[in-house]
Protein backbone atom coordinates (compact mmCIF):
# COMPACT_ATOMS: atom_id res chain seq x y z
CA MET A 1 -38.15 -41.44 -5.03
CA PRO A 2 -35.01 -39.22 -5.02
CA ARG A 3 -34.04 -37.91 -1.60
CA VAL A 4 -32.92 -34.31 -0.98
CA LEU A 5 -31.13 -33.15 2.14
CA ARG A 6 -31.55 -29.39 2.29
CA ILE A 7 -29.39 -27.43 4.73
CA LEU A 8 -30.06 -23.85 5.83
CA ASN A 9 -27.87 -21.64 8.03
CA ARG A 10 -30.53 -20.54 10.47
CA ALA A 11 -34.28 -20.45 11.00
CA ASN A 12 -34.61 -16.68 11.24
CA LEU A 13 -37.33 -14.59 9.62
CA GLY A 14 -36.10 -13.82 6.10
CA GLY A 15 -36.09 -14.82 2.45
CA PRO A 16 -33.88 -17.93 2.73
CA ILE A 17 -36.17 -19.81 5.13
CA PHE A 18 -39.20 -19.10 2.95
CA ASN A 19 -37.32 -20.26 -0.14
CA ALA A 20 -36.02 -23.45 1.48
CA SER A 21 -39.44 -24.18 2.97
CA TYR A 22 -41.33 -23.75 -0.29
CA LEU A 23 -38.79 -25.84 -2.19
CA THR A 24 -39.27 -28.56 0.38
CA LYS A 25 -43.06 -28.27 0.27
CA TYR A 26 -43.65 -28.04 -3.46
CA LEU A 27 -41.07 -30.59 -4.63
CA ALA A 28 -43.10 -33.24 -2.80
CA PRO A 29 -44.17 -35.88 -3.63
CA LYS A 30 -41.67 -36.08 -6.50
CA TYR A 31 -38.79 -35.68 -4.03
CA GLU A 32 -38.50 -36.70 -0.40
CA THR A 33 -36.83 -33.89 1.51
CA LEU A 34 -35.30 -33.53 4.95
CA LEU A 35 -34.61 -29.92 5.88
CA LEU A 36 -31.84 -29.12 8.37
CA VAL A 37 -31.84 -25.67 9.97
CA GLY A 38 -29.39 -24.04 12.35
CA GLN A 39 -29.99 -21.56 15.15
CA ALA A 40 -30.94 -17.94 14.63
CA ASP A 41 -28.37 -15.36 15.69
CA LYS A 42 -28.62 -13.77 19.12
CA GLY A 43 -31.30 -11.09 18.95
CA GLU A 44 -32.99 -12.64 15.89
CA LEU A 45 -36.45 -14.15 15.98
CA GLU A 46 -36.57 -17.93 15.60
CA PHE A 47 -39.02 -18.70 12.81
CA ASP A 48 -39.89 -22.37 13.07
CA GLN A 49 -43.50 -21.37 12.49
CA ILE A 50 -43.30 -21.63 8.70
CA LEU A 51 -41.75 -25.10 8.97
CA ILE A 52 -44.54 -26.31 11.22
CA GLU A 53 -47.35 -24.63 9.25
CA ASN A 54 -46.19 -26.31 6.03
CA ASN A 55 -45.88 -29.70 7.77
CA LEU A 56 -42.25 -30.06 6.72
CA ASN A 57 -39.88 -32.84 7.68
CA PHE A 58 -37.14 -30.85 9.43
CA ARG A 59 -34.49 -31.19 12.11
CA LYS A 60 -32.66 -28.53 14.09
CA VAL A 61 -28.86 -28.61 14.19
CA ASP A 62 -28.18 -26.44 17.22
CA SER A 63 -24.43 -26.28 16.60
CA LEU A 64 -24.94 -24.83 13.09
CA LEU A 65 -24.46 -21.12 13.69
CA ARG A 66 -24.01 -18.20 11.29
CA ASN A 67 -20.81 -16.88 12.85
CA PRO A 68 -17.54 -18.86 12.83
CA SER A 69 -16.93 -21.08 15.85
CA LEU A 70 -14.36 -23.85 15.60
CA THR A 71 -16.00 -25.99 18.28
CA ASP A 72 -19.54 -25.59 16.98
CA ASP A 73 -18.49 -25.89 13.33
CA ILE A 74 -16.72 -29.21 13.96
CA LYS A 75 -19.68 -30.45 15.96
CA SER A 76 -22.18 -29.50 13.24
CA PHE A 77 -19.96 -31.10 10.57
CA PHE A 78 -20.03 -34.47 12.30
CA GLU A 79 -23.74 -34.18 13.05
CA ILE A 80 -24.52 -33.44 9.40
CA ARG A 81 -22.31 -36.32 8.25
CA LYS A 82 -24.22 -38.62 10.61
CA ILE A 83 -27.54 -37.43 9.20
CA ILE A 84 -26.26 -37.94 5.63
CA LYS A 85 -25.33 -41.50 6.52
CA GLU A 86 -28.77 -42.14 8.00
CA PHE A 87 -30.88 -40.34 5.38
CA LYS A 88 -28.79 -41.38 2.34
CA PRO A 89 -29.67 -38.37 0.13
CA ASP A 90 -29.25 -38.37 -3.64
CA ILE A 91 -28.90 -34.58 -3.53
CA VAL A 92 -27.55 -32.22 -0.89
CA HIS A 93 -28.76 -28.66 -1.43
CA THR A 94 -27.19 -26.01 0.80
CA HIS A 95 -28.38 -22.43 1.34
CA ALA A 96 -26.14 -19.51 2.37
CA ALA A 97 -22.50 -19.40 3.42
CA LYS A 98 -22.07 -21.45 6.61
CA ALA A 99 -24.42 -24.23 5.51
CA GLY A 100 -22.69 -24.16 2.13
CA LEU A 101 -19.27 -24.61 3.71
CA ILE A 102 -20.02 -27.37 6.21
CA GLY A 103 -22.78 -29.04 4.22
CA ARG A 104 -20.88 -29.28 0.94
CA ILE A 105 -17.71 -30.65 2.55
CA ALA A 106 -19.75 -33.20 4.52
CA ALA A 107 -21.62 -34.20 1.36
CA LYS A 108 -18.43 -34.54 -0.68
CA LEU A 109 -16.70 -36.68 1.94
CA SER A 110 -19.84 -38.80 2.26
CA GLY A 111 -19.97 -39.51 -1.48
CA VAL A 112 -23.26 -37.71 -2.20
CA PRO A 113 -23.65 -37.80 -6.01
CA VAL A 114 -25.21 -34.33 -6.51
CA ILE A 115 -24.27 -31.21 -4.51
CA VAL A 116 -26.08 -27.91 -5.13
CA HIS A 117 -25.56 -24.55 -3.43
CA THR A 118 -27.76 -21.43 -3.46
CA TYR A 119 -26.33 -17.98 -2.77
CA HIS A 120 -28.94 -15.84 -1.00
CA GLY A 121 -26.40 -13.07 -0.75
CA HIS A 122 -22.63 -13.05 -0.47
CA TYR A 123 -19.95 -11.58 1.75
CA PHE A 124 -17.44 -10.57 -0.93
CA HIS A 125 -17.79 -6.87 -0.19
CA SER A 126 -19.05 -4.57 2.61
CA TYR A 127 -18.44 -7.12 5.36
CA PHE A 128 -14.72 -7.71 5.93
CA GLY A 129 -11.28 -6.30 5.10
CA LYS A 130 -9.47 -7.12 1.86
CA LEU A 131 -7.39 -10.03 3.20
CA LYS A 132 -10.29 -11.83 4.87
CA THR A 133 -12.53 -11.22 1.87
CA ASN A 134 -9.95 -12.72 -0.50
CA ILE A 135 -9.64 -15.79 1.72
CA TYR A 136 -13.40 -16.28 1.60
CA ILE A 137 -13.42 -15.89 -2.19
CA LEU A 138 -10.75 -18.58 -2.54
CA LEU A 139 -12.70 -20.84 -0.19
CA GLU A 140 -15.89 -20.38 -2.20
CA ARG A 141 -14.02 -21.18 -5.42
CA PHE A 142 -12.77 -24.40 -3.81
CA LEU A 143 -16.29 -25.36 -2.69
CA ALA A 144 -17.67 -24.57 -6.15
CA SER A 145 -15.06 -26.85 -7.75
CA PHE A 146 -16.85 -29.97 -6.47
CA SER A 147 -20.39 -28.56 -6.49
CA SER A 148 -22.63 -29.97 -9.21
CA ALA A 149 -24.43 -26.64 -9.66
CA ILE A 150 -24.45 -23.13 -8.23
CA ILE A 151 -27.66 -21.09 -8.00
CA SER A 152 -27.86 -17.30 -7.92
CA ILE A 153 -31.15 -15.55 -7.14
CA SER A 154 -30.76 -12.58 -9.49
CA ASN A 155 -28.98 -11.61 -12.69
CA LEU A 156 -26.91 -9.02 -10.81
CA GLN A 157 -25.75 -11.63 -8.32
CA LYS A 158 -24.96 -14.01 -11.18
CA LYS A 159 -22.81 -11.34 -12.82
CA GLU A 160 -20.96 -10.67 -9.56
CA LEU A 161 -20.30 -14.35 -8.89
CA LEU A 162 -19.13 -15.09 -12.42
CA GLN A 163 -17.43 -11.93 -13.64
CA ASP A 164 -16.38 -10.00 -10.54
CA PHE A 165 -15.36 -12.84 -8.22
CA LYS A 166 -14.97 -15.77 -10.67
CA ILE A 167 -16.49 -18.27 -8.24
CA CYS A 168 -17.19 -20.95 -10.86
CA GLN A 169 -17.41 -21.69 -14.56
CA PRO A 170 -20.47 -20.27 -16.37
CA GLN A 171 -21.85 -23.75 -17.14
CA LYS A 172 -22.26 -24.42 -13.42
CA MET A 173 -24.18 -21.22 -12.71
CA ASN A 174 -27.99 -21.13 -12.81
CA MET A 175 -30.12 -18.06 -12.07
CA ILE A 176 -33.36 -19.00 -10.30
CA PRO A 177 -35.33 -16.15 -8.67
CA LEU A 178 -36.75 -16.82 -5.22
CA GLY A 179 -40.16 -18.46 -5.33
CA LEU A 180 -42.49 -16.88 -2.78
CA GLU A 181 -46.23 -17.13 -2.17
CA LEU A 182 -47.52 -13.69 -3.16
CA ASP A 183 -51.26 -14.35 -3.53
CA LYS A 184 -52.01 -13.17 0.00
CA PHE A 185 -50.77 -9.68 -0.89
CA ALA A 186 -53.48 -9.41 -3.57
CA GLU A 187 -56.29 -10.41 -1.21
CA ASN A 188 -58.48 -7.82 0.56
CA GLN A 189 -56.10 -5.02 -0.37
CA LYS A 190 -58.56 -2.22 0.37
CA GLN A 191 -59.42 -3.54 3.84
CA LYS A 192 -55.75 -4.19 4.67
CA ARG A 193 -54.76 -0.70 3.52
CA THR A 194 -57.46 0.89 5.66
CA ALA A 195 -56.51 -1.17 8.72
CA PHE A 196 -52.81 -0.38 8.27
CA ARG A 197 -53.36 3.36 7.96
CA GLN A 198 -55.66 3.40 10.99
CA LYS A 199 -53.18 1.44 13.09
CA TYR A 200 -50.32 3.83 12.32
CA GLN A 201 -52.52 6.95 12.31
CA LEU A 202 -51.83 7.91 8.71
CA ALA A 203 -53.99 10.58 7.15
CA ASP A 204 -55.45 10.09 3.67
CA ASP A 205 -53.09 12.68 2.19
CA GLU A 206 -49.94 11.17 3.77
CA VAL A 207 -47.59 8.89 1.82
CA ALA A 208 -46.04 6.08 3.86
CA ILE A 209 -42.57 4.90 2.84
CA GLY A 210 -40.55 2.30 4.72
CA ILE A 211 -37.63 -0.10 4.50
CA ILE A 212 -37.42 -3.66 5.78
CA GLY A 213 -34.03 -5.21 6.55
CA ARG A 214 -31.71 -6.06 9.38
CA LEU A 215 -29.42 -3.34 10.70
CA ALA A 216 -26.27 -4.32 8.81
CA LEU A 217 -23.96 -2.30 6.57
CA ILE A 218 -24.75 -4.45 3.53
CA LYS A 219 -28.45 -3.47 3.74
CA ASN A 220 -27.46 0.18 3.18
CA HIS A 221 -30.06 1.86 5.38
CA ALA A 222 -27.98 5.03 5.07
CA LEU A 223 -28.92 5.22 1.39
CA PHE A 224 -32.60 4.99 2.32
CA ILE A 225 -32.25 7.82 4.83
CA ASP A 226 -30.40 9.97 2.28
CA ALA A 227 -33.07 9.21 -0.33
CA ILE A 228 -35.87 10.26 2.04
CA ALA A 229 -34.02 13.47 2.89
CA ARG A 230 -33.65 14.22 -0.82
CA LEU A 231 -37.31 13.36 -1.47
CA LEU A 232 -38.48 15.78 1.20
CA GLN A 233 -36.62 18.55 -0.65
CA LEU A 234 -38.28 17.71 -3.96
CA THR A 235 -41.93 17.21 -3.00
CA THR A 236 -44.65 19.04 -1.16
CA LYS A 237 -46.50 15.83 -0.32
CA LYS A 238 -46.68 14.69 3.26
CA ILE A 239 -44.21 11.86 3.77
CA LYS A 240 -44.17 9.52 6.76
């Protein structure tokens, strides 16, 4: 049975942990997977719950943090190399930037035959200044040079990675949308809608509109606020 070592930046509530968890869950029993997850950022909710609920084989790498830290990054590199030596994976699959950096280098130096990386987003605009951004682009091109495959999660992201930032050759790029369990959203819709509107005291003639995302520039909450302001000028409906 092929072995997959999957490495994720952090176990915070968000799309990447669901994606990595479902890949781990539904590739069994064809593949044996060990999932490594780092720490959530300060102020973020740790979300080990999904890992436990799905009975996944996972380990926490406490030194694997989202933000750069020379001491922690070196420590996590050696810890991941040790795990690679013990687990002997046929494939190392990394998710997001920090895991992609440390995990891919550790896998390459350990002689792992197949190295795959998934971009769940990227930091090539709206995060840093021009100099720092260009350094990160060059670094990602270097990492892609010895990656067996690169995965984007949307056609727009694929275009950006290939055409705008030239991260890798087209033959290495694969677009695979996130796989999420959506059946629960189709169950008991009427009862859930009624309960939601009662909880938040919404009248029958009120339209509820919201946005979900962390408070970061890249999420563009300002655009949402501007859009709501514009909507209020164009409609007579009650908006909440």
